[in-house]
Amino acid sequence: MDFHEGELSLLFTDDKRIAELNQKYLKRQGPTNVIAFPMLAGSPPHLPSGMLGDVVISVDTALSESRELGEPLQ
């Protein structure tokens, strides 16, 4: 795999904030577990280096899903 160094932004937030982002950028109502915003085009194995994008994770939803599945949140 041809891999170059890259940077990824992570935001851990709550259901309220991720629902706002979900509505604003994806036109979907309600919270979700993860939203990804890619910055650069490309597909493996030839991803460009630099800023890859942003990932937003709802801790509220992740905790709820882990409880439903009986799995620890890791």
N, C-alpha and C. Protein backbone atom coordinates (compact mmCIF):
# COMPACT_ATOMS: atom_id res chain seq x y z
N MET A 1 0.85 -1.18 0.00
CA MET A 1 0.00 0.00 0.00
C MET A 1 0.89 1.24 0.00
N ASP A 2 0.61 2.16 -0.87
CA ASP A 2 1.36 3.40 -0.97
C ASP A 2 0.77 4.40 0.01
N PHE A 3 1.41 4.54 1.19
CA PHE A 3 0.86 5.37 2.25
C PHE A 3 1.72 6.61 2.45
N HIS A 4 1.06 7.74 2.55
CA HIS A 4 1.73 9.01 2.86
C HIS A 4 1.18 9.53 4.18
N GLU A 5 1.99 10.32 4.85
CA GLU A 5 1.56 10.89 6.12
C GLU A 5 0.35 11.78 5.91
N GLY A 6 -0.58 11.73 6.85
CA GLY A 6 -1.78 12.55 6.76
C GLY A 6 -2.25 12.99 8.12
N GLU A 7 -3.15 13.94 8.12
CA GLU A 7 -3.69 14.48 9.36
C GLU A 7 -5.21 14.31 9.33
N LEU A 8 -5.76 13.96 10.49
CA LEU A 8 -7.19 13.74 10.62
C LEU A 8 -7.67 14.46 11.88
N SER A 9 -8.72 15.23 11.74
CA SER A 9 -9.30 15.94 12.88
C SER A 9 -10.42 15.11 13.48
N LEU A 10 -10.40 14.94 14.81
CA LEU A 10 -11.45 14.20 15.52
C LEU A 10 -12.16 15.13 16.49
N LEU A 11 -13.49 15.09 16.47
CA LEU A 11 -14.29 15.86 17.42
C LEU A 11 -15.21 14.89 18.15
N PHE A 12 -15.08 14.82 19.46
CA PHE A 12 -15.97 14.02 20.30
C PHE A 12 -17.00 14.99 20.88
N THR A 13 -18.28 14.71 20.63
CA THR A 13 -19.33 15.65 21.02
C THR A 13 -20.54 14.90 21.55
N ASP A 14 -21.63 15.63 21.76
CA ASP A 14 -22.86 15.01 22.26
C ASP A 14 -23.91 14.91 21.14
N ASP A 15 -25.04 14.29 21.46
CA ASP A 15 -26.10 14.10 20.47
C ASP A 15 -26.65 15.42 19.94
N LYS A 16 -26.76 16.42 20.81
CA LYS A 16 -27.32 17.71 20.38
C LYS A 16 -26.46 18.31 19.27
N ARG A 17 -25.17 18.36 19.47
CA ARG A 17 -24.28 18.99 18.49
C ARG A 17 -24.19 18.17 17.21
N ILE A 18 -24.10 16.84 17.31
CA ILE A 18 -23.98 16.05 16.09
C ILE A 18 -25.29 16.10 15.29
N ALA A 19 -26.44 16.24 15.98
CA ALA A 19 -27.72 16.39 15.27
C ALA A 19 -27.74 17.71 14.50
N GLU A 20 -27.18 18.77 15.08
CA GLU A 20 -27.08 20.06 14.38
C GLU A 20 -26.22 19.93 13.13
N LEU A 21 -25.07 19.26 13.25
CA LEU A 21 -24.18 19.07 12.10
C LEU A 21 -24.83 18.16 11.05
N ASN A 22 -25.53 17.14 11.50
CA ASN A 22 -26.21 16.22 10.61
C ASN A 22 -27.24 16.96 9.76
N GLN A 23 -28.01 17.85 10.40
CA GLN A 23 -29.02 18.64 9.69
C GLN A 23 -28.36 19.64 8.74
N LYS A 24 -27.36 20.35 9.24
CA LYS A 24 -26.72 21.42 8.45
C LYS A 24 -26.02 20.88 7.21
N TYR A 25 -25.25 19.83 7.35
CA TYR A 25 -24.42 19.36 6.24
C TYR A 25 -24.99 18.19 5.45
N LEU A 26 -25.79 17.35 6.09
CA LEU A 26 -26.31 16.17 5.40
C LEU A 26 -27.83 16.22 5.19
N LYS A 27 -28.46 17.26 5.75
CA LYS A 27 -29.92 17.43 5.63
C LYS A 27 -30.69 16.24 6.20
N ARG A 28 -30.14 15.66 7.27
CA ARG A 28 -30.77 14.53 7.96
C ARG A 28 -31.11 14.96 9.38
N GLN A 29 -32.27 14.51 9.86
CA GLN A 29 -32.69 14.89 11.20
C GLN A 29 -32.19 13.90 12.24
N GLY A 30 -31.87 14.44 13.40
CA GLY A 30 -31.52 13.61 14.55
C GLY A 30 -30.04 13.29 14.64
N PRO A 31 -29.67 12.73 15.79
CA PRO A 31 -28.27 12.37 16.01
C PRO A 31 -27.88 11.11 15.25
N THR A 32 -26.61 10.93 15.10
CA THR A 32 -26.03 9.73 14.50
C THR A 32 -24.75 9.41 15.26
N ASN A 33 -24.15 8.27 15.02
CA ASN A 33 -22.95 7.91 15.78
C ASN A 33 -21.71 8.63 15.25
N VAL A 34 -21.54 8.68 13.92
CA VAL A 34 -20.34 9.26 13.33
C VAL A 34 -20.69 9.99 12.04
N ILE A 35 -20.06 11.14 11.82
CA ILE A 35 -20.12 11.84 10.54
C ILE A 35 -18.68 12.08 10.09
N ALA A 36 -18.39 11.78 8.84
CA ALA A 36 -17.05 12.00 8.29
C ALA A 36 -17.13 13.04 7.18
N PHE A 37 -16.19 13.97 7.20
CA PHE A 37 -16.09 15.01 6.19
C PHE A 37 -14.72 14.91 5.52
N PRO A 38 -14.63 14.21 4.39
CA PRO A 38 -13.34 14.10 3.70
C PRO A 38 -12.92 15.44 3.10
N MET A 39 -11.62 15.73 3.14
CA MET A 39 -11.09 16.98 2.58
C MET A 39 -10.52 16.78 1.18
N LEU A 40 -10.00 15.59 0.94
CA LEU A 40 -9.32 15.33 -0.32
C LEU A 40 -9.96 14.14 -1.02
N ALA A 41 -9.91 14.18 -2.33
CA ALA A 41 -10.41 13.05 -3.11
C ALA A 41 -9.30 12.02 -3.26
N GLY A 42 -9.68 10.80 -3.44
CA GLY A 42 -8.70 9.73 -3.63
C GLY A 42 -9.26 8.45 -3.05
N SER A 43 -8.68 7.37 -3.43
CA SER A 43 -9.11 6.09 -2.89
C SER A 43 -7.88 5.23 -2.66
N PRO A 44 -7.95 4.34 -1.67
CA PRO A 44 -6.82 3.47 -1.40
C PRO A 44 -6.47 2.68 -2.64
N PRO A 45 -5.24 2.37 -2.90
CA PRO A 45 -4.10 2.62 -2.02
C PRO A 45 -3.37 3.92 -2.32
N HIS A 46 -3.96 4.84 -3.06
CA HIS A 46 -3.26 6.06 -3.47
C HIS A 46 -3.89 7.31 -2.86
N LEU A 47 -4.02 7.34 -1.55
CA LEU A 47 -4.54 8.52 -0.89
C LEU A 47 -3.48 9.60 -0.86
N PRO A 48 -3.86 10.84 -1.12
CA PRO A 48 -2.88 11.92 -1.06
C PRO A 48 -2.49 12.22 0.38
N SER A 49 -1.35 12.84 0.57
CA SER A 49 -0.93 13.22 1.92
C SER A 49 -1.55 14.58 2.25
N GLY A 50 -1.44 14.97 3.51
CA GLY A 50 -1.99 16.25 3.94
C GLY A 50 -3.19 16.03 4.83
N MET A 51 -4.05 17.06 4.89
CA MET A 51 -5.25 17.00 5.71
C MET A 51 -6.27 16.08 5.05
N LEU A 52 -6.60 14.97 5.72
CA LEU A 52 -7.52 13.99 5.16
C LEU A 52 -8.98 14.36 5.39
N GLY A 53 -9.27 14.99 6.53
CA GLY A 53 -10.65 15.39 6.79
C GLY A 53 -10.97 15.44 8.26
N ASP A 54 -12.27 15.54 8.54
CA ASP A 54 -12.77 15.64 9.91
C ASP A 54 -13.70 14.46 10.19
N VAL A 55 -13.62 13.96 11.41
CA VAL A 55 -14.53 12.91 11.87
C VAL A 55 -15.17 13.40 13.17
N VAL A 56 -16.50 13.38 13.20
CA VAL A 56 -17.25 13.81 14.38
C VAL A 56 -17.92 12.57 14.98
N ILE A 57 -17.72 12.36 16.27
CA ILE A 57 -18.25 11.18 16.96
C ILE A 57 -19.14 11.64 18.11
N SER A 58 -20.37 11.12 18.15
CA SER A 58 -21.25 11.40 19.27
C SER A 58 -20.98 10.39 20.38
N VAL A 59 -20.47 10.87 21.49
CA VAL A 59 -20.19 9.99 22.63
C VAL A 59 -21.51 9.45 23.18
N ASP A 60 -22.56 10.28 23.19
CA ASP A 60 -23.88 9.82 23.67
C ASP A 60 -24.36 8.61 22.88
N THR A 61 -24.33 8.70 21.56
CA THR A 61 -24.81 7.61 20.72
C THR A 61 -23.88 6.40 20.80
N ALA A 62 -22.59 6.64 20.86
CA ALA A 62 -21.63 5.53 20.97
C ALA A 62 -21.87 4.76 22.27
N LEU A 63 -22.10 5.47 23.37
CA LEU A 63 -22.38 4.80 24.65
C LEU A 63 -23.69 4.02 24.58
N SER A 64 -24.72 4.62 24.01
CA SER A 64 -26.01 3.96 23.87
C SER A 64 -25.90 2.69 23.03
N GLU A 65 -25.20 2.78 21.90
CA GLU A 65 -25.03 1.61 21.03
C GLU A 65 -24.21 0.52 21.70
N SER A 66 -23.20 0.91 22.48
CA SER A 66 -22.38 -0.11 23.15
C SER A 66 -23.21 -0.85 24.20
N ARG A 67 -24.08 -0.12 24.90
CA ARG A 67 -24.96 -0.76 25.89
C ARG A 67 -25.95 -1.71 25.22
N GLU A 68 -26.54 -1.26 24.10
CA GLU A 68 -27.50 -2.11 23.36
C GLU A 68 -26.85 -3.41 22.89
N LEU A 69 -25.59 -3.33 22.49
CA LEU A 69 -24.88 -4.50 21.97
C LEU A 69 -24.20 -5.31 23.07
N GLY A 70 -24.19 -4.78 24.30
CA GLY A 70 -23.52 -5.47 25.39
C GLY A 70 -22.01 -5.50 25.23
N GLU A 71 -21.49 -4.48 24.57
CA GLU A 71 -20.05 -4.38 24.32
C GLU A 71 -19.49 -3.16 25.04
N PRO A 72 -18.26 -3.25 25.55
CA PRO A 72 -17.65 -2.07 26.17
C PRO A 72 -17.29 -1.03 25.11
N LEU A 73 -17.38 0.23 25.49
CA LEU A 73 -16.98 1.30 24.58
C LEU A 73 -15.47 1.45 24.67
N GLN A 74 -14.80 1.20 23.56
CA GLN A 74 -13.33 1.27 23.54
C GLN A 74 -12.88 2.18 22.44
